[in-house]
PDB file of N, CA and C in Angstrom:
ATOM      1  N   MET A   1     109.072  95.909  81.047  1.00  0.00           N
ATOM      2  CA  MET A   1     109.405  96.888  82.040  1.00  0.00           C
ATOM      3  C   MET A   1     108.062  97.109  82.856  1.00  0.00           C
ATOM      4  N   ILE A   2     108.156  97.043  84.162  1.00  0.00           N
ATOM      5  CA  ILE A   2     107.051  97.324  85.086  1.00  0.00           C
ATOM      6  C   ILE A   2     107.046  98.858  85.309  1.00  0.00           C
ATOM      7  N   GLU A   3     105.835  99.451  85.060  1.00  0.00           N
ATOM      8  CA  GLU A   3     105.730 100.871  85.420  1.00  0.00           C
ATOM      9  C   GLU A   3     104.759 101.077  86.614  1.00  0.00           C
ATOM     10  N   CYS A   4     105.281 101.940  87.508  1.00  0.00           N
ATOM     11  CA  CYS A   4     104.516 102.271  88.695  1.00  0.00           C
ATOM     12  C   CYS A   4     104.419 103.760  88.896  1.00  0.00           C
ATOM     13  N   VAL A   5     103.463 104.194  89.595  1.00  0.00           N
ATOM     14  CA  VAL A   5     103.229 105.615  89.873  1.00  0.00           C
ATOM     15  C   VAL A   5     103.127 105.761  91.375  1.00  0.00           C
ATOM     16  N   ARG A   6     103.692 106.852  91.907  1.00  0.00           N
ATOM     17  CA  ARG A   6     103.690 107.141  93.310  1.00  0.00           C
ATOM     18  C   ARG A   6     103.395 108.589  93.536  1.00  0.00           C
ATOM     19  N   ALA A   7     102.762 108.934  94.679  1.00  0.00           N
ATOM     20  CA  ALA A   7     102.416 110.322  94.965  1.00  0.00           C
ATOM     21  C   ALA A   7     103.103 110.725  96.240  1.00  0.00           C
ATOM     22  N   VAL A   8     103.772 111.928  96.169  1.00  0.00           N
ATOM     23  CA  VAL A   8     104.096 112.700  97.336  1.00  0.00           C
ATOM     24  C   VAL A   8     102.817 113.456  97.636  1.00  0.00           C
ATOM     25  N   LEU A   9     102.022 112.964  98.517  1.00  0.00           N
ATOM     26  CA  LEU A   9     100.677 113.409  98.683  1.00  0.00           C
ATOM     27  C   LEU A   9     100.451 114.223  99.937  1.00  0.00           C
ATOM     28  N   LEU A  10      99.939 115.435  99.746  1.00  0.00           N
ATOM     29  CA  LEU A  10      99.735 116.331 100.813  1.00  0.00           C
ATOM     30  C   LEU A  10      98.197 116.404 101.150  1.00  0.00           C
ATOM     31  N   THR A  11      97.949 116.358 102.438  1.00  0.00           N
ATOM     32  CA  THR A  11      96.557 116.443 102.902  1.00  0.00           C
ATOM     33  C   THR A  11      96.069 117.947 102.800  1.00  0.00           C
ATOM     34  N   PRO A  12      94.796 118.180 102.979  1.00  0.00           N
ATOM     35  CA  PRO A  12      94.287 119.618 103.021  1.00  0.00           C
ATOM     36  C   PRO A  12      95.015 120.470 104.066  1.00  0.00           C
ATOM     37  N   ALA A  13      95.483 119.820 105.105  1.00  0.00           N
ATOM     38  CA  ALA A  13      96.196 120.512 106.219  1.00  0.00           C
ATOM     39  C   ALA A  13      97.675 120.693 105.890  1.00  0.00           C
ATOM     40  N   GLY A  14      98.118 120.245 104.744  1.00  0.00           N
ATOM     41  CA  GLY A  14      99.491 120.459 104.342  1.00  0.00           C
ATOM     42  C   GLY A  14     100.429 119.424 104.904  1.00  0.00           C
ATOM     43  N   ARG A  15      99.905 118.279 105.392  1.00  0.00           N
ATOM     44  CA  ARG A  15     100.752 117.194 105.895  1.00  0.00           C
ATOM     45  C   ARG A  15     101.012 116.109 104.893  1.00  0.00           C
ATOM     46  N   LEU A  16     102.094 115.448 104.964  1.00  0.00           N
ATOM     47  CA  LEU A  16     102.468 114.349 104.057  1.00  0.00           C
ATOM     48  C   LEU A  16     101.656 113.093 104.425  1.00  0.00           C
ATOM     49  N   LEU A  17     101.032 112.425 103.518  1.00  0.00           N
ATOM     50  CA  LEU A  17     100.253 111.231 103.751  1.00  0.00           C
ATOM     51  C   LEU A  17     101.071 110.052 103.166  1.00  0.00           C
ATOM     52  N   LEU A  18     101.359 109.042 104.035  1.00  0.00           N
ATOM     53  CA  LEU A  18     102.022 107.887 103.564  1.00  0.00           C
ATOM     54  C   LEU A  18     101.117 106.611 103.855  1.00  0.00           C
ATOM     55  N   ILE A  19     101.399 105.515 103.260  1.00  0.00           N
ATOM     56  CA  ILE A  19     100.695 104.312 103.467  1.00  0.00           C
ATOM     57  C   ILE A  19     101.534 103.411 104.358  1.00  0.00           C
ATOM     58  N   ARG A  20     100.954 102.879 105.388  1.00  0.00           N
ATOM     59  CA  ARG A  20     101.675 101.934 106.324  1.00  0.00           C
ATOM     60  C   ARG A  20     101.404 100.546 105.825  1.00  0.00           C
ATOM     61  N   ARG A  21     102.466  99.869 105.541  1.00  0.00           N
ATOM     62  CA  ARG A  21     102.354  98.467 105.139  1.00  0.00           C
ATOM     63  C   ARG A  21     102.927  97.543 106.186  1.00  0.00           C
ATOM     64  N   THR A  22     102.247  96.362 106.348  1.00  0.00           N
ATOM     65  CA  THR A  22     102.750  95.402 107.205  1.00  0.00           C
ATOM     66  C   THR A  22     102.684  94.005 106.609  1.00  0.00           C
ATOM     67  N   TRP A  23     103.685  93.207 106.834  1.00  0.00           N
ATOM     68  CA  TRP A  23     103.648  91.823 106.476  1.00  0.00           C
ATOM     69  C   TRP A  23     103.743  91.039 107.772  1.00  0.00           C
ATOM     70  N   PRO A  24     103.031  89.889 107.869  1.00  0.00           N
ATOM     71  CA  PRO A  24     103.040  89.025 109.057  1.00  0.00           C
ATOM     72  C   PRO A  24     104.504  88.745 109.415  1.00  0.00           C
ATOM     73  N   GLY A  25     104.891  89.022 110.700  1.00  0.00           N
ATOM     74  CA  GLY A  25     106.236  88.733 111.193  1.00  0.00           C
ATOM     75  C   GLY A  25     107.311  89.788 110.769  1.00  0.00           C
ATOM     76  N   ALA A  26     106.951  90.780 110.072  1.00  0.00           N
ATOM     77  CA  ALA A  26     107.931  91.826 109.645  1.00  0.00           C
ATOM     78  C   ALA A  26     107.601  93.171 110.284  1.00  0.00           C
ATOM     79  N   THR A  27     108.585  94.006 110.332  1.00  0.00           N
ATOM     80  CA  THR A  27     108.409  95.339 110.887  1.00  0.00           C
ATOM     81  C   THR A  27     107.601  96.186 109.908  1.00  0.00           C
ATOM     82  N   PRO A  28     106.536  96.903 110.315  1.00  0.00           N
ATOM     83  CA  PRO A  28     105.793  97.742 109.461  1.00  0.00           C
ATOM     84  C   PRO A  28     106.672  98.872 108.831  1.00  0.00           C
ATOM     85  N   TYR A  29     106.352  99.307 107.651  1.00  0.00           N
ATOM     86  CA  TYR A  29     107.037 100.351 106.963  1.00  0.00           C
ATOM     87  C   TYR A  29     106.106 101.180 106.248  1.00  0.00           C
ATOM     88  N   ARG A  30     106.528 102.375 105.763  1.00  0.00           N
ATOM     89  CA  ARG A  30     105.649 103.317 105.090  1.00  0.00           C
ATOM     90  C   ARG A  30     106.135 103.564 103.680  1.00  0.00           C
ATOM     91  N   VAL A  31     105.186 103.764 102.778  1.00  0.00           N
ATOM     92  CA  VAL A  31     105.527 104.086 101.392  1.00  0.00           C
ATOM     93  C   VAL A  31     104.604 105.190 100.891  1.00  0.00           C
ATOM     94  N   PHE A  32     105.000 105.776  99.767  1.00  0.00           N
ATOM     95  CA  PHE A  32     104.153 106.777  99.119  1.00  0.00           C
ATOM     96  C   PHE A  32     102.973 105.991  98.470  1.00  0.00           C
ATOM     97  N   PRO A  33     101.768 106.598  98.559  1.00  0.00           N
ATOM     98  CA  PRO A  33     100.647 105.970  97.817  1.00  0.00           C
ATOM     99  C   PRO A  33     100.897 105.737  96.384  1.00  0.00           C
ATOM    100  N   GLY A  34     100.434 104.688  95.824  1.00  0.00           N
ATOM    101  CA  GLY A  34     100.580 104.435  94.411  1.00  0.00           C
ATOM    102  C   GLY A  34     100.669 102.933  94.115  1.00  0.00           C
ATOM    103  N   GLY A  35     101.049 102.603  92.938  1.00  0.00           N
ATOM    104  CA  GLY A  35     101.086 101.213  92.489  1.00  0.00           C
ATOM    105  C   GLY A  35     101.403 101.016  91.090  1.00  0.00           C
ATOM    106  N   HIS A  36     101.069  99.839  90.579  1.00  0.00           N
ATOM    107  CA  HIS A  36     101.345  99.497  89.184  1.00  0.00           C
ATOM    108  C   HIS A  36     100.347 100.238  88.267  1.00  0.00           C
ATOM    109  N   VAL A  37     100.904 100.558  87.077  1.00  0.00           N
ATOM    110  CA  VAL A  37     100.051 101.052  85.968  1.00  0.00           C
ATOM    111  C   VAL A  37      99.398  99.835  85.285  1.00  0.00           C
ATOM    112  N   GLU A  38      98.098  99.870  85.264  1.00  0.00           N
ATOM    113  CA  GLU A  38      97.340  98.679  84.645  1.00  0.00           C
ATOM    114  C   GLU A  38      97.224  98.896  83.187  1.00  0.00           C
ATOM    115  N   PRO A  39      97.105  97.846  82.415  1.00  0.00           N
ATOM    116  CA  PRO A  39      96.993  97.976  80.935  1.00  0.00           C
ATOM    117  C   PRO A  39      95.837  98.830  80.500  1.00  0.00           C
ATOM    118  N   ASP A  40      94.735  98.878  81.224  1.00  0.00           N
ATOM    119  CA  ASP A  40      93.533  99.612  80.824  1.00  0.00           C
ATOM    120  C   ASP A  40      93.548 101.072  81.362  1.00  0.00           C
ATOM    121  N   ASP A  41      94.628 101.497  82.098  1.00  0.00           N
ATOM    122  CA  ASP A  41      94.783 102.875  82.508  1.00  0.00           C
ATOM    123  C   ASP A  41      95.053 103.739  81.265  1.00  0.00           C
ATOM    124  N   PRO A  42      94.374 104.832  81.060  1.00  0.00           N
ATOM    125  CA  PRO A  42      94.627 105.679  79.910  1.00  0.00           C
ATOM    126  C   PRO A  42      95.904 106.501  79.968  1.00  0.00           C
ATOM    127  N   GLY A  43      96.531 106.505  81.117  1.00  0.00           N
ATOM    128  CA  GLY A  43      97.779 107.247  81.215  1.00  0.00           C
ATOM    129  C   GLY A  43      98.344 107.170  82.637  1.00  0.00           C
ATOM    130  N   LEU A  44      99.540 107.707  82.827  1.00  0.00           N
ATOM    131  CA  LEU A  44     100.172 107.671  84.179  1.00  0.00           C
ATOM    132  C   LEU A  44      99.345 108.434  85.222  1.00  0.00           C
ATOM    133  N   ARG A  45      98.913 109.600  84.899  1.00  0.00           N
ATOM    134  CA  ARG A  45      98.178 110.389  85.880  1.00  0.00           C
ATOM    135  C   ARG A  45      96.860 109.688  86.233  1.00  0.00           C
ATOM    136  N   ALA A  46      96.159 109.077  85.222  1.00  0.00           N
ATOM    137  CA  ALA A  46      94.946 108.355  85.511  1.00  0.00           C
ATOM    138  C   ALA A  46      95.196 107.156  86.434  1.00  0.00           C
ATOM    139  N   ALA A  47      96.281 106.470  86.224  1.00  0.00           N
ATOM    140  CA  ALA A  47      96.712 105.323  87.063  1.00  0.00           C
ATOM    141  C   ALA A  47      96.945 105.805  88.498  1.00  0.00           C
ATOM    142  N   LEU A  48      97.578 106.954  88.621  1.00  0.00           N
ATOM    143  CA  LEU A  48      97.888 107.527  89.970  1.00  0.00           C
ATOM    144  C   LEU A  48      96.569 107.943  90.687  1.00  0.00           C
ATOM    145  N   VAL A  49      95.685 108.584  89.995  1.00  0.00           N
ATOM    146  CA  VAL A  49      94.382 108.925  90.534  1.00  0.00           C
ATOM    147  C   VAL A  49      93.652 107.677  90.998  1.00  0.00           C
ATOM    148  N   ARG A  50      93.604 106.687  90.194  1.00  0.00           N
ATOM    149  CA  ARG A  50      92.980 105.401  90.556  1.00  0.00           C
ATOM    150  C   ARG A  50      93.587 104.789  91.883  1.00  0.00           C
ATOM    151  N   GLU A  51      94.895 104.751  91.890  1.00  0.00           N
ATOM    152  CA  GLU A  51      95.625 104.170  93.046  1.00  0.00           C
ATOM    153  C   GLU A  51      95.348 104.982  94.318  1.00  0.00           C
ATOM    154  N   ILE A  52      95.356 106.260  94.212  1.00  0.00           N
ATOM    155  CA  ILE A  52      95.116 107.108  95.407  1.00  0.00           C
ATOM    156  C   ILE A  52      93.681 106.880  95.882  1.00  0.00           C
ATOM    157  N   ARG A  53      92.715 106.837  94.965  1.00  0.00           N
ATOM    158  CA  ARG A  53      91.309 106.590  95.362  1.00  0.00           C
ATOM    159  C   ARG A  53      91.235 105.277  96.085  1.00  0.00           C
ATOM    160  N   GLU A  54      91.836 104.224  95.503  1.00  0.00           N
ATOM    161  CA  GLU A  54      91.817 102.881  96.048  1.00  0.00           C
ATOM    162  C   GLU A  54      92.382 102.835  97.466  1.00  0.00           C
ATOM    163  N   GLU A  55      93.568 103.383  97.600  1.00  0.00           N
ATOM    164  CA  GLU A  55      94.318 103.280  98.852  1.00  0.00           C
ATOM    165  C   GLU A  55      93.933 104.193  99.963  1.00  0.00           C
ATOM    166  N   THR A  56      93.412 105.427  99.654  1.00  0.00           N
ATOM    167  CA  THR A  56      93.103 106.393 100.648  1.00  0.00           C
ATOM    168  C   THR A  56      91.675 106.821 100.689  1.00  0.00           C
ATOM    169  N   GLY A  57      90.923 106.562  99.598  1.00  0.00           N
ATOM    170  CA  GLY A  57      89.547 107.100  99.584  1.00  0.00           C
ATOM    171  C   GLY A  57      89.534 108.620  99.276  1.00  0.00           C
ATOM    172  N   ALA A  58      90.586 109.148  98.881  1.00  0.00           N
ATOM    173  CA  ALA A  58      90.684 110.596  98.551  1.00  0.00           C
ATOM    174  C   ALA A  58      90.637 110.930  97.141  1.00  0.00           C
ATOM    175  N   GLU A  59      90.115 112.118  96.848  1.00  0.00           N
ATOM    176  CA  GLU A  59      90.050 112.668  95.469  1.00  0.00           C
ATOM    177  C   GLU A  59      91.286 113.562  95.267  1.00  0.00           C
ATOM    178  N   PRO A  60      92.283 113.143  94.505  1.00  0.00           N
ATOM    179  CA  PRO A  60      93.585 113.945  94.403  1.00  0.00           C
ATOM    180  C   PRO A  60      93.547 114.900  93.264  1.00  0.00           C
ATOM    181  N   GLN A  61      94.410 116.000  93.450  1.00  0.00           N
ATOM    182  CA  GLN A  61      94.690 116.895  92.395  1.00  0.00           C
ATOM    183  C   GLN A  61      96.188 116.653  92.103  1.00  0.00           C
ATOM    184  N   ILE A  62      96.515 116.152  90.891  1.00  0.00           N
ATOM    185  CA  ILE A  62      97.951 115.892  90.597  1.00  0.00           C
ATOM    186  C   ILE A  62      98.585 117.165  90.073  1.00  0.00           C
ATOM    187  N   THR A  63      99.618 117.619  90.731  1.00  0.00           N
ATOM    188  CA  THR A  63     100.239 118.896  90.455  1.00  0.00           C
ATOM    189  C   THR A  63     101.349 118.693  89.339  1.00  0.00           C
ATOM    190  N   GLY A  64     102.174 117.728  89.461  1.00  0.00           N
ATOM    191  CA  GLY A  64     103.226 117.547  88.423  1.00  0.00           C
ATOM    192  C   GLY A  64     104.203 116.448  88.762  1.00  0.00           C
ATOM    193  N   LEU A  65     104.964 116.030  87.768  1.00  0.00           N
ATOM    194  CA  LEU A  65     105.962 115.047  87.900  1.00  0.00           C
ATOM    195  C   LEU A  65     107.172 115.584  88.631  1.00  0.00           C
ATOM    196  N   LEU A  66     107.621 114.883  89.691  1.00  0.00           N
ATOM    197  CA  LEU A  66     108.781 115.281  90.435  1.00  0.00           C
ATOM    198  C   LEU A  66     110.048 114.552  90.059  1.00  0.00           C
ATOM    199  N   HIS A  67     109.966 113.210  89.856  1.00  0.00           N
ATOM    200  CA  HIS A  67     111.126 112.439  89.556  1.00  0.00           C
ATOM    201  C   HIS A  67     110.757 111.124  88.997  1.00  0.00           C
ATOM    202  N   VAL A  68     111.669 110.560  88.185  1.00  0.00           N
ATOM    203  CA  VAL A  68     111.463 109.212  87.632  1.00  0.00           C
ATOM    204  C   VAL A  68     112.672 108.385  88.129  1.00  0.00           C
ATOM    205  N   LEU A  69     112.449 107.241  88.745  1.00  0.00           N
ATOM    206  CA  LEU A  69     113.370 106.340  89.237  1.00  0.00           C
ATOM    207  C   LEU A  69     113.300 105.024  88.468  1.00  0.00           C
ATOM    208  N   ALA A  70     114.392 104.583  87.878  1.00  0.00           N
ATOM    209  CA  ALA A  70     114.269 103.458  86.984  1.00  0.00           C
ATOM    210  C   ALA A  70     115.517 102.603  87.150  1.00  0.00           C
ATOM    211  N   ASP A  71     115.264 101.251  86.936  1.00  0.00           N
ATOM    212  CA  ASP A  71     116.393 100.275  86.843  1.00  0.00           C
ATOM    213  C   ASP A  71     116.013  99.325  85.623  1.00  0.00           C
ATOM    214  N   ALA A  72     116.623  98.232  85.589  1.00  0.00           N
ATOM    215  CA  ALA A  72     116.469  97.344  84.366  1.00  0.00           C
ATOM    216  C   ALA A  72     115.127  96.711  84.338  1.00  0.00           C
ATOM    217  N   HIS A  73     114.388  96.678  85.561  1.00  0.00           N
ATOM    218  CA  HIS A  73     113.122  95.971  85.618  1.00  0.00           C
ATOM    219  C   HIS A  73     111.893  96.882  85.856  1.00  0.00           C
ATOM    220  N   GLN A  74     112.081  98.022  86.500  1.00  0.00           N
ATOM    221  CA  GLN A  74     110.973  98.834  86.903  1.00  0.00           C
ATOM    222  C   GLN A  74     111.267 100.328  86.775  1.00  0.00           C
ATOM    223  N   ARG A  75     110.218 101.125  86.370  1.00  0.00           N
ATOM    224  CA  ARG A  75     110.269 102.485  86.280  1.00  0.00           C
ATOM    225  C   ARG A  75     109.177 103.076  87.217  1.00  0.00           C
ATOM    226  N   GLN A  76     109.560 103.930  88.131  1.00  0.00           N
ATOM    227  CA  GLN A  76     108.607 104.574  89.122  1.00  0.00           C
ATOM    228  C   GLN A  76     108.543 106.067  88.828  1.00  0.00           C
ATOM    229  N   TYR A  77     107.316 106.572  88.612  1.00  0.00           N
ATOM    230  CA  TYR A  77     107.129 107.956  88.385  1.00  0.00           C
ATOM    231  C   TYR A  77     106.567 108.588  89.684  1.00  0.00           C
ATOM    232  N   PHE A  78     107.288 109.593  90.216  1.00  0.00           N
ATOM    233  CA  PHE A  78     106.870 110.225  91.457  1.00  0.00           C
ATOM    234  C   PHE A  78     106.244 111.562  91.101  1.00  0.00           C
ATOM    235  N   TYR A  79     104.975 111.740  91.529  1.00  0.00           N
ATOM    236  CA  TYR A  79     104.206 113.002  91.287  1.00  0.00           C
ATOM    237  C   TYR A  79     103.950 113.697  92.605  1.00  0.00           C
ATOM    238  N   LEU A  80     103.846 115.056  92.522  1.00  0.00           N
ATOM    239  CA  LEU A  80     103.388 115.853  93.652  1.00  0.00           C
ATOM    240  C   LEU A  80     101.814 115.921  93.492  1.00  0.00           C
ATOM    241  N   ALA A  81     101.125 115.654  94.600  1.00  0.00           N
ATOM    242  CA  ALA A  81      99.635 115.680  94.538  1.00  0.00           C
ATOM    243  C   ALA A  81      99.106 116.235  95.864  1.00  0.00           C
ATOM    244  N   ARG A  82      97.920 116.771  95.777  1.00  0.00           N
ATOM    245  CA  ARG A  82      97.131 117.282  96.980  1.00  0.00           C
ATOM    246  C   ARG A  82      95.787 116.537  96.981  1.00  0.00           C
ATOM    247  N   ILE A  83      95.320 116.356  98.226  1.00  0.00           N
ATOM    248  CA  ILE A  83      93.985 115.799  98.401  1.00  0.00           C
ATOM    249  C   ILE A  83      93.034 116.943  98.320  1.00  0.00           C
ATOM    250  N   ARG A  84      92.086 116.857  97.363  1.00  0.00           N
ATOM    251  CA  ARG A  84      91.043 117.844  97.196  1.00  0.00           C
ATOM    252  C   ARG A  84      89.875 117.550  98.184  1.00  0.00           C
ATOM    253  N   SER A  85      89.556 116.292  98.268  1.00  0.00           N
ATOM    254  CA  SER A  85      88.427 115.980  99.225  1.00  0.00           C
ATOM    255  C   SER A  85      88.544 114.477  99.591  1.00  0.00           C
ATOM    256  N   TRP A  86      87.899 114.125 100.658  1.00  0.00           N
ATOM    257  CA  TRP A  86      87.859 112.734 101.078  1.00  0.00           C
ATOM    258  C   TRP A  86      86.575 112.136 100.769  1.00  0.00           C
ATOM    259  N   SER A  87      86.514 110.845 100.444  1.00  0.00           N
ATOM    260  CA  SER A  87      85.319 110.108 100.121  1.00  0.00           C
ATOM    261  C   SER A  87      84.683 109.658 101.419  1.00  0.00           C
ATOM    262  N   ARG A  88      83.346 109.578 101.403  1.00  0.00           N
ATOM    263  CA  ARG A  88      82.693 109.073 102.640  1.00  0.00           C
ATOM    264  C   ARG A  88      82.880 107.520 102.754  1.00  0.00           C
ATOM    265  N   ARG A  89      83.194 106.884 101.677  1.00  0.00           N
ATOM    266  CA  ARG A  89      83.322 105.420 101.761  1.00  0.00           C
ATOM    267  C   ARG A  89      84.759 105.045 102.187  1.00  0.00           C
ATOM    268  N   THR A  90      84.917 103.853 102.625  1.00  0.00           N
ATOM    269  CA  THR A  90      86.269 103.369 103.101  1.00  0.00           C
ATOM    270  C   THR A  90      86.908 102.805 101.863  1.00  0.00           C
ATOM    271  N   ALA A  91      88.164 103.111 101.722  1.00  0.00           N
ATOM    272  CA  ALA A  91      88.945 102.610 100.567  1.00  0.00           C
ATOM    273  C   ALA A  91      89.058 101.056 100.690  1.00  0.00           C
ATOM    274  N   PRO A  92      88.959 100.361  99.564  1.00  0.00           N
ATOM    275  CA  PRO A  92      89.058  98.898  99.661  1.00  0.00           C
ATOM    276  C   PRO A  92      90.424  98.459 100.191  1.00  0.00           C
ATOM    277  N   VAL A  93      90.382  97.374 100.918  1.00  0.00           N
ATOM    278  CA  VAL A  93      91.650  96.782 101.435  1.00  0.00           C
ATOM    279  C   VAL A  93      92.153  95.707 100.516  1.00  0.00           C
ATOM    280  N   ARG A  94      93.331  95.767 100.116  1.00  0.00           N
ATOM    281  CA  ARG A  94      93.975  94.798  99.176  1.00  0.00           C
ATOM    282  C   ARG A  94      94.496  93.678 100.015  1.00  0.00           C
ATOM    283  N   SER A  95      94.884  92.552  99.287  1.00  0.00           N
ATOM    284  CA  SER A  95      95.533  91.505  99.915  1.00  0.00           C
ATOM    285  C   SER A  95      96.931  91.925 100.431  1.00  0.00           C
ATOM    286  N   SER A  96      97.578  91.029 101.127  1.00  0.00           N
ATOM    287  CA  SER A  96      98.826  91.424 101.727  1.00  0.00           C
ATOM    288  C   SER A  96      99.837  92.137 100.803  1.00  0.00           C
ATOM    289  N   PRO A  97     100.594  93.029 101.244  1.00  0.00           N
ATOM    290  CA  PRO A  97     100.639  93.423 102.639  1.00  0.00           C
ATOM    291  C   PRO A  97      99.491  94.338 102.985  1.00  0.00           C
ATOM    292  N   THR A  98      99.187  94.404 104.342  1.00  0.00           N
ATOM    293  CA  THR A  98      98.127  95.206 104.847  1.00  0.00           C
ATOM    294  C   THR A  98      98.459  96.673 104.659  1.00  0.00           C
ATOM    295  N   ARG A  99      97.537  97.541 104.220  1.00  0.00           N
ATOM    296  CA  ARG A  99      97.829  98.951 104.085  1.00  0.00           C
ATOM    297  C   ARG A  99      96.870  99.815 104.907  1.00  0.00           C
ATOM    298  N   THR A 100      97.441 100.797 105.491  1.00  0.00           N
ATOM    299  CA  THR A 100      96.615 101.815 106.205  1.00  0.00           C
ATOM    300  C   THR A 100      97.262 103.148 105.882  1.00  0.00           C
ATOM    301  N   ALA A 101      96.450 104.151 105.828  1.00  0.00           N
ATOM    302  CA  ALA A 101      96.943 105.425 105.565  1.00  0.00           C
ATOM    303  C   ALA A 101      97.430 106.124 106.845  1.00  0.00           C
ATOM    304  N   ALA A 102      98.600 106.702 106.784  1.00  0.00           N
ATOM    305  CA  ALA A 102      99.180 107.386 107.965  1.00  0.00           C
ATOM    306  C   ALA A 102      99.602 108.737 107.541  1.00  0.00           C
ATOM    307  N   SER A 103      99.180 109.753 108.255  1.00  0.00           N
ATOM    308  CA  SER A 103      99.606 111.132 107.945  1.00  0.00           C
ATOM    309  C   SER A 103     100.759 111.499 108.800  1.00  0.00           C
ATOM    310  N   THR A 104     101.715 112.138 108.235  1.00  0.00           N
ATOM    311  CA  THR A 104     102.880 112.550 109.097  1.00  0.00           C
ATOM    312  C   THR A 104     103.075 114.054 108.849  1.00  0.00           C
ATOM    313  N   GLY A 105     103.858 114.614 109.731  1.00  0.00           N
ATOM    314  CA  GLY A 105     104.110 116.069 109.594  1.00  0.00           C
ATOM    315  C   GLY A 105     104.554 116.660 110.848  1.00  0.00           C
ATOM    316  N   SER A 106     105.006 117.820 110.833  1.00  0.00           N
ATOM    317  CA  SER A 106     105.541 118.447 112.019  1.00  0.00           C
ATOM    318  C   SER A 106     104.369 118.989 112.810  1.00  0.00           C
ATOM    319  N   ARG A 107     104.488 119.051 114.089  1.00  0.00           N
ATOM    320  CA  ARG A 107     103.490 119.539 114.954  1.00  0.00           C
ATOM    321  C   ARG A 107     103.912 120.964 115.384  1.00  0.00           C
ATOM    322  N   LYS A 108     102.934 121.794 115.516  1.00  0.00           N
ATOM    323  CA  LYS A 108     103.217 123.165 115.961  1.00  0.00           C
ATOM    324  C   LYS A 108     103.608 123.216 117.463  1.00  0.00           C
ATOM    325  N   SER A 109     104.627 123.913 117.749  1.00  0.00           N
ATOM    326  CA  SER A 109     105.029 124.055 119.154  1.00  0.00           C
ATOM    327  C   SER A 109     104.160 125.122 119.819  1.00  0.00           C
ATOM    328  N   ARG A 110     103.948 124.851 121.059  1.00  0.00           N
ATOM    329  CA  ARG A 110     103.027 125.810 121.786  1.00  0.00           C
ATOM    330  C   ARG A 110     103.889 126.848 122.601  1.00  0.00           C
TER     331      ARG A 110
END
């Protein structure tokens, strides 16, 4: 069984942060930050903190488990999290698909 962790991640401004992924020749799409739980991760929350740091360069505060989505091959744990602070370094870029952080949210009307 493949285990993955995902974050419904809020910025300090209260906006939802998603990762924009692109594959060559395909339409870009957005996903919640996260990824696979590695064998050396001490737990699910530690895996999520590692993934958020890698993908966004942010230091997260994990609030709690929201939902578990599972099928015969994969189990995904969705957590609520907030960004406590941003790192001054750029998060490493992984091999395909290309990932960039995208913040979404409603804009205030004037």
